[in-house]
């Protein structure tokens, strides 16, 4: 253990020891900033799920066996695109029965018309009373009504065949699929769920401290993998706050609305960062950090105009740079770029806001 401590001390000493400057070497031009403590947001991170805000359950309108499913979960489809086919075995039989009834009603109507014509002639000759003609006339009218009903039944049966092809009701993405090829379905059976990719929410459960830090309309940073499978970080808008907490977890449901061009996919994992407090901290640009023998640090320009490597403890990265948890103090002049690689103790010529 003692040997390890000695080795570590020697390594750090080598990193921070002044470098022997070449005689007559010109100072290295560097750009510096004078760091200061400023208030930053501290975020509480919560896992969430991307949920469709606008979706439709595509259901079967007839009985039959599912055939030729043409789409998969996550696939984009356009309005009217064929999703699957339901084999209309029972519907085809219904059409045949309706046509048979239509033919029977047509034959009955022909018979009733002929009878009416015959009895009308007999009545004209005075061979039958008017009451008898009226009976035949009523039978003829009833046969006509029966034939019209049979025709309507045929049309209705034929329209059912059109339901065999299940098509997308609007442009969207397949969120889930509830059936497989060969499965028997009936009217009203849910086949799949289609959602609008431009109307997505993130649902998240948060603790009291985070819940009471939110308000409707507030923008909250979220992270997720988009449809391009690349990480995205954008702002979502607080759309709904559920005041009632879960009795088991004591958390509140929060719903965030994503922008239409978010590129997120329904069902995906998301990370929600909710600001819960502000605290003073020092933030430096990413480019200021250096790695020397596995030690992270920055070059600080001392009062004598020399660059000194100083070990720091970096925290989270954010839009303004990297939060420094320890190792820097307000007023330090930190090198953010240099015309050539720096050595510890080298003389520098500073430019920038921290000169």
Protein backbone atom coordinates (compact mmCIF):
# COMPACT_ATOMS: atom_id res chain seq x y z
CA UNK A 1 0.00 0.00 0.00
CA UNK A 2 2.85 2.40 0.92
CA UNK A 3 4.56 1.70 -2.40
CA UNK A 4 1.36 2.56 -4.26
CA UNK A 5 1.01 5.86 -2.42
CA UNK A 6 4.62 6.75 -3.21
CA UNK A 7 4.09 5.89 -6.90
CA UNK A 8 0.92 8.01 -7.07
CA UNK A 9 2.67 10.95 -5.43
CA UNK A 10 5.56 10.69 -7.90
CA UNK A 11 3.10 10.62 -10.84
CA UNK A 12 1.16 13.69 -9.69
CA UNK A 13 4.41 15.46 -8.91
CA UNK A 14 5.65 14.81 -12.42
CA UNK A 15 2.42 16.21 -13.85
CA UNK A 16 2.48 19.43 -11.88
CA UNK A 17 6.25 20.02 -11.75
CA UNK A 18 7.45 23.02 -13.79
CA UNK A 19 8.71 22.14 -17.24
CA UNK A 20 12.19 23.25 -18.21
CA UNK A 21 11.61 26.04 -20.69
CA UNK A 22 13.77 26.11 -23.76
CA UNK A 23 16.15 29.02 -23.68
CA UNK A 24 14.75 31.89 -25.68
CA UNK A 25 11.46 30.03 -26.46
CA UNK A 26 8.59 32.36 -27.32
CA UNK A 27 5.54 32.27 -25.01
CA UNK A 28 2.69 30.06 -26.21
CA UNK A 29 -0.39 31.99 -27.31
CA UNK A 30 -3.45 30.82 -25.37
CA UNK A 31 -7.03 31.95 -25.02
CA UNK A 32 -8.28 32.08 -21.45
CA UNK A 33 -11.47 32.76 -19.54
CA UNK A 34 -11.77 34.00 -15.99
CA UNK A 35 -14.13 31.56 -14.28
CA UNK A 36 -16.78 32.67 -11.87
CA UNK A 37 -19.38 31.03 -9.72
CA UNK A 38 -22.88 31.30 -11.16
CA UNK A 39 -26.23 29.78 -10.28
CA UNK A 40 -27.07 26.63 -12.22
CA UNK A 41 -30.10 24.36 -12.22
CA UNK A 42 -29.85 21.05 -10.40
CA UNK A 43 -31.94 18.41 -12.13
CA UNK A 44 -33.70 15.32 -10.82
CA UNK A 45 -33.72 12.59 -13.47
CA UNK A 46 -36.75 10.31 -13.96
CA UNK A 47 -37.42 7.49 -16.45
CA UNK A 48 -40.43 7.97 -18.71
CA UNK A 49 -42.14 6.35 -21.68
CA UNK A 50 -43.10 7.85 -25.03
CA UNK A 51 -46.87 7.36 -25.43
CA UNK A 52 -49.05 8.22 -28.47
CA UNK A 53 -51.41 11.09 -27.70
CA UNK A 54 -53.49 10.36 -30.81
CA UNK A 55 -54.11 6.75 -31.83
CA UNK A 56 -56.82 4.46 -33.18
CA UNK A 57 -57.58 0.80 -32.57
CA UNK A 58 -58.00 -0.81 -35.98
CA UNK A 59 -60.70 -3.50 -35.66
CA UNK A 60 -62.22 -6.14 -37.90
CA UNK A 61 -65.70 -5.47 -39.31
CA UNK A 62 -66.37 -9.07 -40.25
CA UNK A 63 -65.70 -12.68 -39.27
CA UNK A 64 -62.97 -14.68 -40.93
CA UNK A 65 -59.39 -15.86 -40.80
CA UNK A 66 -56.53 -13.34 -40.84
CA UNK A 67 -54.40 -13.60 -43.97
CA UNK A 68 -51.40 -11.78 -45.41
CA UNK A 69 -50.40 -9.32 -42.66
CA UNK A 70 -48.32 -6.76 -44.53
CA UNK A 71 -47.02 -4.52 -41.72
CA UNK A 72 -44.93 -4.79 -38.55
CA UNK A 73 -44.69 -2.82 -35.32
CA UNK A 74 -42.88 0.49 -35.83
CA UNK A 75 -43.61 0.63 -39.57
CA UNK A 76 -44.88 3.89 -41.08
CA UNK A 77 -48.00 3.60 -43.24
CA UNK A 78 -50.04 6.02 -45.36
CA UNK A 79 -53.79 6.54 -45.39
CA UNK A 80 -55.52 3.78 -47.38
CA UNK A 81 -52.51 1.43 -47.32
CA UNK A 82 -53.42 -2.26 -47.05
CA UNK A 83 -52.59 -3.60 -43.57
CA UNK A 84 -53.96 -7.15 -43.80
CA UNK A 85 -56.71 -9.28 -45.30
CA UNK A 86 -59.48 -11.24 -43.57
CA UNK A 87 -60.64 -14.27 -45.54
CA UNK A 88 -64.41 -13.65 -46.01
CA UNK A 89 -65.52 -17.30 -45.95
CA UNK A 90 -68.73 -16.68 -44.01
CA UNK A 91 -69.41 -13.44 -45.87
CA UNK A 92 -69.14 -15.19 -49.24
CA UNK A 93 -71.67 -17.77 -48.04
CA UNK A 94 -73.93 -14.93 -46.91
CA UNK A 95 -73.75 -13.35 -50.35
CA UNK A 96 -74.77 -16.64 -51.95
CA UNK A 97 -77.72 -16.96 -49.57
CA UNK A 98 -78.80 -13.37 -50.25
CA UNK A 99 -78.63 -13.93 -54.00
CA UNK A 100 -80.73 -17.08 -53.66
CA UNK A 101 -83.34 -15.12 -51.70
CA UNK A 102 -83.23 -12.39 -54.33
CA UNK A 103 -83.89 -14.91 -57.12
CA UNK A 104 -86.77 -16.40 -55.15
CA UNK A 105 -88.27 -12.95 -54.50
CA UNK A 106 -87.91 -12.04 -58.18
CA UNK A 107 -89.75 -15.20 -59.23
CA UNK A 108 -92.50 -14.47 -56.71
CA UNK A 109 -92.77 -10.92 -58.06
CA UNK A 110 -93.06 -12.20 -61.66
CA UNK A 111 -95.86 -14.56 -60.58
CA UNK A 112 -97.64 -11.80 -58.65
CA UNK A 113 -97.40 -9.44 -61.63
CA UNK A 114 -98.84 -12.03 -64.01
CA UNK A 115 -101.69 -12.75 -61.59
CA UNK A 116 -102.43 -9.08 -61.27
CA UNK A 117 -102.52 -8.60 -65.04
CA UNK A 118 -104.85 -11.63 -65.43
CA UNK A 119 -107.22 -10.59 -62.65
CA UNK A 120 -107.28 -7.02 -63.92
CA UNK A 121 -108.54 -8.30 -67.29
CA UNK A 122 -111.16 -10.48 -65.60
CA UNK A 123 -112.36 -7.52 -63.58
CA UNK A 124 -112.63 -5.45 -66.75
CA UNK A 125 -114.87 -8.17 -68.23
CA UNK A 126 -116.97 -8.21 -65.07
CA UNK A 127 -115.96 -11.78 -64.27
CA UNK A 128 -114.73 -11.01 -60.71
CA UNK A 129 -115.69 -8.50 -58.05
CA UNK A 130 -113.49 -5.52 -57.23
CA UNK A 131 -112.62 -6.93 -53.80
CA UNK A 132 -110.96 -9.92 -55.45
CA UNK A 133 -108.88 -7.64 -57.70
CA UNK A 134 -107.79 -5.60 -54.68
CA UNK A 135 -106.56 -8.78 -52.93
CA UNK A 136 -104.43 -9.68 -55.94
CA UNK A 137 -103.16 -6.09 -56.18
CA UNK A 138 -102.05 -6.15 -52.52
CA UNK A 139 -100.26 -9.47 -53.09
CA UNK A 140 -98.45 -7.90 -56.08
CA UNK A 141 -97.38 -4.89 -54.00
CA UNK A 142 -96.14 -7.16 -51.18
CA UNK A 143 -94.10 -9.20 -53.66
CA UNK A 144 -92.53 -5.97 -54.92
CA UNK A 145 -91.57 -4.97 -51.38
CA UNK A 146 -90.11 -8.43 -50.73
CA UNK A 147 -88.01 -8.17 -53.90
CA UNK A 148 -86.66 -4.73 -52.93
CA UNK A 149 -85.72 -6.06 -49.48
CA UNK A 150 -83.94 -9.04 -51.11
CA UNK A 151 -81.99 -6.66 -53.37
CA UNK A 152 -80.94 -4.56 -50.37
CA UNK A 153 -79.80 -7.73 -48.57
CA UNK A 154 -77.59 -8.63 -51.55
CA UNK A 155 -76.03 -5.16 -51.58
CA UNK A 156 -75.38 -5.33 -47.84
CA UNK A 157 -73.81 -8.78 -48.15
CA UNK A 158 -71.62 -7.58 -51.02
CA UNK A 159 -70.49 -4.56 -49.00
CA UNK A 160 -69.21 -6.93 -46.30
CA UNK A 161 -66.70 -8.34 -48.79
CA UNK A 162 -65.10 -4.90 -48.98
CA UNK A 163 -64.31 -5.18 -45.28
CA UNK A 164 -61.99 -8.09 -46.03
CA UNK A 165 -59.22 -5.62 -46.86
CA UNK A 166 -58.25 -3.71 -43.72
CA UNK A 167 -56.61 -0.39 -44.61
CA UNK A 168 -54.94 2.41 -42.63
CA UNK A 169 -57.44 5.14 -41.67
CA UNK A 170 -54.72 7.86 -41.65
CA UNK A 171 -50.97 8.39 -42.04
CA UNK A 172 -49.27 6.94 -38.98
CA UNK A 173 -47.06 4.30 -37.37
CA UNK A 174 -47.98 0.80 -36.20
CA UNK A 175 -47.77 0.87 -32.39
CA UNK A 176 -48.86 -2.69 -31.63
CA UNK A 177 -50.20 -5.78 -33.40
CA UNK A 178 -52.71 -8.04 -31.64
CA UNK A 179 -53.19 -10.86 -34.20
CA UNK A 180 -51.25 -13.30 -36.37
CA UNK A 181 -51.84 -15.02 -39.69
CA UNK A 182 -54.41 -17.80 -39.52
CA UNK A 183 -56.16 -16.40 -36.45
CA UNK A 184 -59.97 -16.39 -36.46
CA UNK A 185 -61.43 -12.94 -35.75
CA UNK A 186 -64.94 -11.56 -35.48
CA UNK A 187 -66.58 -8.14 -35.83
CA UNK A 188 -65.06 -5.66 -33.39
CA UNK A 189 -61.91 -7.69 -32.75
CA UNK A 190 -58.93 -5.34 -32.27
CA UNK A 191 -56.28 -6.11 -34.89
CA UNK A 192 -53.62 -3.43 -34.31
CA UNK A 193 -53.08 0.08 -32.98
CA UNK A 194 -52.04 2.93 -35.27
CA UNK A 195 -50.75 6.24 -33.88
CA UNK A 196 -49.95 9.70 -35.15
CA UNK A 197 -46.15 10.22 -34.81
CA UNK A 198 -46.63 13.99 -34.68
CA UNK A 199 -48.70 13.77 -31.49
CA UNK A 200 -46.54 12.11 -28.82
CA UNK A 201 -46.34 12.49 -25.07
CA UNK A 202 -43.88 11.34 -22.42
CA UNK A 203 -45.53 9.88 -19.31
CA UNK A 204 -43.40 9.97 -16.18
CA UNK A 205 -43.87 9.37 -12.44
CA UNK A 206 -42.14 11.96 -10.26
CA UNK A 207 -41.64 12.58 -6.54
CA UNK A 208 -43.27 15.45 -4.64
CA UNK A 209 -40.23 17.77 -4.88
CA UNK A 210 -40.14 17.49 -8.67
CA UNK A 211 -43.92 17.65 -9.04
CA UNK A 212 -44.24 20.92 -7.14
CA UNK A 213 -41.38 22.43 -9.18
CA UNK A 214 -43.47 22.05 -12.36
CA UNK A 215 -46.23 24.13 -13.91
CA UNK A 216 -48.35 23.76 -17.04
CA UNK A 217 -46.63 25.04 -20.17
CA UNK A 218 -43.14 24.83 -18.68
CA UNK A 219 -40.38 23.45 -20.94
CA UNK A 220 -38.50 20.45 -19.56
CA UNK A 221 -35.39 18.86 -21.14
CA UNK A 222 -35.82 15.20 -22.15
CA UNK A 223 -33.53 12.62 -23.72
CA UNK A 224 -34.48 9.63 -25.88
CA UNK A 225 -33.43 7.61 -28.91
CA UNK A 226 -35.15 8.86 -32.06
CA UNK A 227 -36.32 6.87 -35.08
CA UNK A 228 -32.76 7.28 -36.43
CA UNK A 229 -31.53 5.45 -33.26
CA UNK A 230 -29.40 8.48 -32.36
CA UNK A 231 -29.67 10.16 -28.93
CA UNK A 232 -31.83 13.29 -28.91
CA UNK A 233 -32.13 16.01 -26.28
CA UNK A 234 -34.96 18.51 -26.70
CA UNK A 235 -37.46 20.43 -24.61
CA UNK A 236 -40.92 18.98 -23.99
CA UNK A 237 -43.85 21.00 -22.67
CA UNK A 238 -45.70 20.12 -19.45
CA UNK A 239 -49.21 19.31 -20.69
CA UNK A 240 -50.85 17.68 -17.67
CA UNK A 241 -50.14 17.40 -13.94
CA UNK A 242 -52.04 14.76 -11.98
CA UNK A 243 -52.47 16.05 -8.42
CA UNK A 244 -53.49 12.68 -6.94
CA UNK A 245 -50.43 10.63 -5.99
CA UNK A 246 -50.05 6.88 -6.30
CA UNK A 247 -50.82 5.37 -2.86
CA UNK A 248 -48.07 2.76 -3.28
CA UNK A 249 -45.19 4.80 -4.74
CA UNK A 250 -46.30 8.27 -3.56
CA UNK A 251 -45.44 9.67 -6.98
CA UNK A 252 -47.42 11.89 -9.36
CA UNK A 253 -48.13 11.32 -13.05
CA UNK A 254 -46.82 14.04 -15.37
CA UNK A 255 -47.51 14.18 -19.11
CA UNK A 256 -45.15 16.10 -21.39
CA UNK A 257 -45.93 16.99 -25.01
CA UNK A 258 -43.14 16.45 -27.55
CA UNK A 259 -42.79 18.74 -30.59
CA UNK A 260 -44.20 17.35 -33.90
CA UNK A 261 -40.72 16.88 -35.39
CA UNK A 262 -39.27 15.09 -32.35
CA UNK A 263 -38.50 11.87 -34.25
CA UNK A 264 -39.43 9.85 -31.15
CA UNK A 265 -41.20 6.50 -31.39
CA UNK A 266 -44.14 5.30 -29.32
CA UNK A 267 -43.16 2.92 -26.53
CA UNK A 268 -39.56 4.15 -26.32
CA UNK A 269 -37.74 4.86 -23.05
CA UNK A 270 -37.08 8.51 -22.25
CA UNK A 271 -35.19 10.34 -19.52
CA UNK A 272 -36.83 13.44 -18.06
CA UNK A 273 -34.70 16.08 -16.30
CA UNK A 274 -36.72 18.24 -13.90
CA UNK A 275 -35.04 21.29 -12.31
CA UNK A 276 -35.58 21.12 -8.55
CA UNK A 277 -33.22 23.82 -7.22
CA UNK A 278 -30.46 26.27 -8.10
CA UNK A 279 -26.95 26.24 -6.67
CA UNK A 280 -23.72 28.19 -7.31
CA UNK A 281 -21.14 26.36 -9.44
CA UNK A 282 -18.22 26.90 -11.80
CA UNK A 283 -18.73 25.84 -15.42
CA UNK A 284 -15.95 25.59 -18.02
CA UNK A 285 -16.14 24.78 -21.76
CA UNK A 286 -15.62 21.14 -22.76
CA UNK A 287 -12.45 22.10 -24.61
CA UNK A 288 -10.80 23.33 -21.41
CA UNK A 289 -10.53 19.83 -19.93
CA UNK A 290 -7.28 17.92 -20.44
CA UNK A 291 -6.34 14.33 -19.68
CA UNK A 292 -2.80 13.66 -18.52
CA UNK A 293 -1.93 10.08 -17.61
CA UNK A 294 -5.57 9.39 -16.76
CA UNK A 295 -5.94 12.49 -14.59
CA UNK A 296 -8.53 15.07 -15.64
CA UNK A 297 -7.58 18.68 -15.19
CA UNK A 298 -7.26 22.13 -16.73
CA UNK A 299 -4.40 24.56 -17.33
CA UNK A 300 -4.62 27.65 -15.13
CA UNK A 301 -2.47 30.72 -15.83
CA UNK A 302 -0.70 31.87 -12.66
CA UNK A 303 0.34 35.37 -11.61
CA UNK A 304 3.67 34.93 -13.41
CA UNK A 305 2.10 34.17 -16.79
CA UNK A 306 2.79 30.44 -16.72
CA UNK A 307 0.36 27.58 -17.41
CA UNK A 308 -0.09 25.24 -14.46
CA UNK A 309 -1.90 21.91 -14.77
CA UNK A 310 -4.49 21.57 -12.03
CA UNK A 311 -6.50 18.45 -11.29
CA UNK A 312 -10.27 19.00 -11.19
CA UNK A 313 -13.34 16.92 -10.45
CA UNK A 314 -15.78 17.34 -13.37
CA UNK A 315 -19.52 16.90 -12.93
CA UNK A 316 -22.35 16.71 -15.44
CA UNK A 317 -22.15 18.13 -18.93
CA UNK A 318 -24.74 20.69 -20.00
CA UNK A 319 -25.27 23.19 -22.78
CA UNK A 320 -22.88 25.72 -21.19
CA UNK A 321 -20.03 23.24 -20.73
CA UNK A 322 -18.93 21.04 -17.82
CA UNK A 323 -19.72 21.65 -14.16
CA UNK A 324 -16.55 21.61 -12.04
CA UNK A 325 -17.27 20.14 -8.62
CA UNK A 326 -13.84 20.90 -7.14
CA UNK A 327 -10.39 22.13 -8.15
CA UNK A 328 -11.21 25.64 -9.40
CA UNK A 329 -12.01 28.90 -7.68
CA UNK A 330 -13.73 32.11 -8.84
CA UNK A 331 -11.20 34.35 -10.57
CA UNK A 332 -8.98 31.53 -11.90
CA UNK A 333 -7.81 32.09 -15.48
CA UNK A 334 -8.45 28.82 -17.34
CA UNK A 335 -6.94 28.02 -20.73
CA UNK A 336 -9.64 27.04 -23.25
CA UNK A 337 -7.37 26.79 -26.35
CA UNK A 338 -3.72 27.12 -27.30
CA UNK A 339 -1.69 27.42 -30.49
CA UNK A 340 0.22 24.25 -29.59
CA UNK A 341 0.18 21.59 -26.82
CA UNK A 342 1.03 22.94 -23.39
CA UNK A 343 3.52 21.67 -20.86
CA UNK A 344 3.26 22.37 -17.18
CA UNK A 345 5.01 25.62 -16.27
CA UNK A 346 5.42 26.90 -19.83
CA UNK A 347 5.23 30.67 -20.32
CA UNK A 348 2.09 31.79 -22.15
CA UNK A 349 0.71 34.88 -23.84
CA UNK A 350 -2.97 35.25 -23.00
CA UNK A 351 -5.90 36.53 -25.05
CA UNK A 352 -9.62 36.51 -24.38
CA UNK A 353 -11.94 37.70 -21.66
CA UNK A 354 -9.71 36.49 -18.82
CA UNK A 355 -6.56 38.42 -19.69
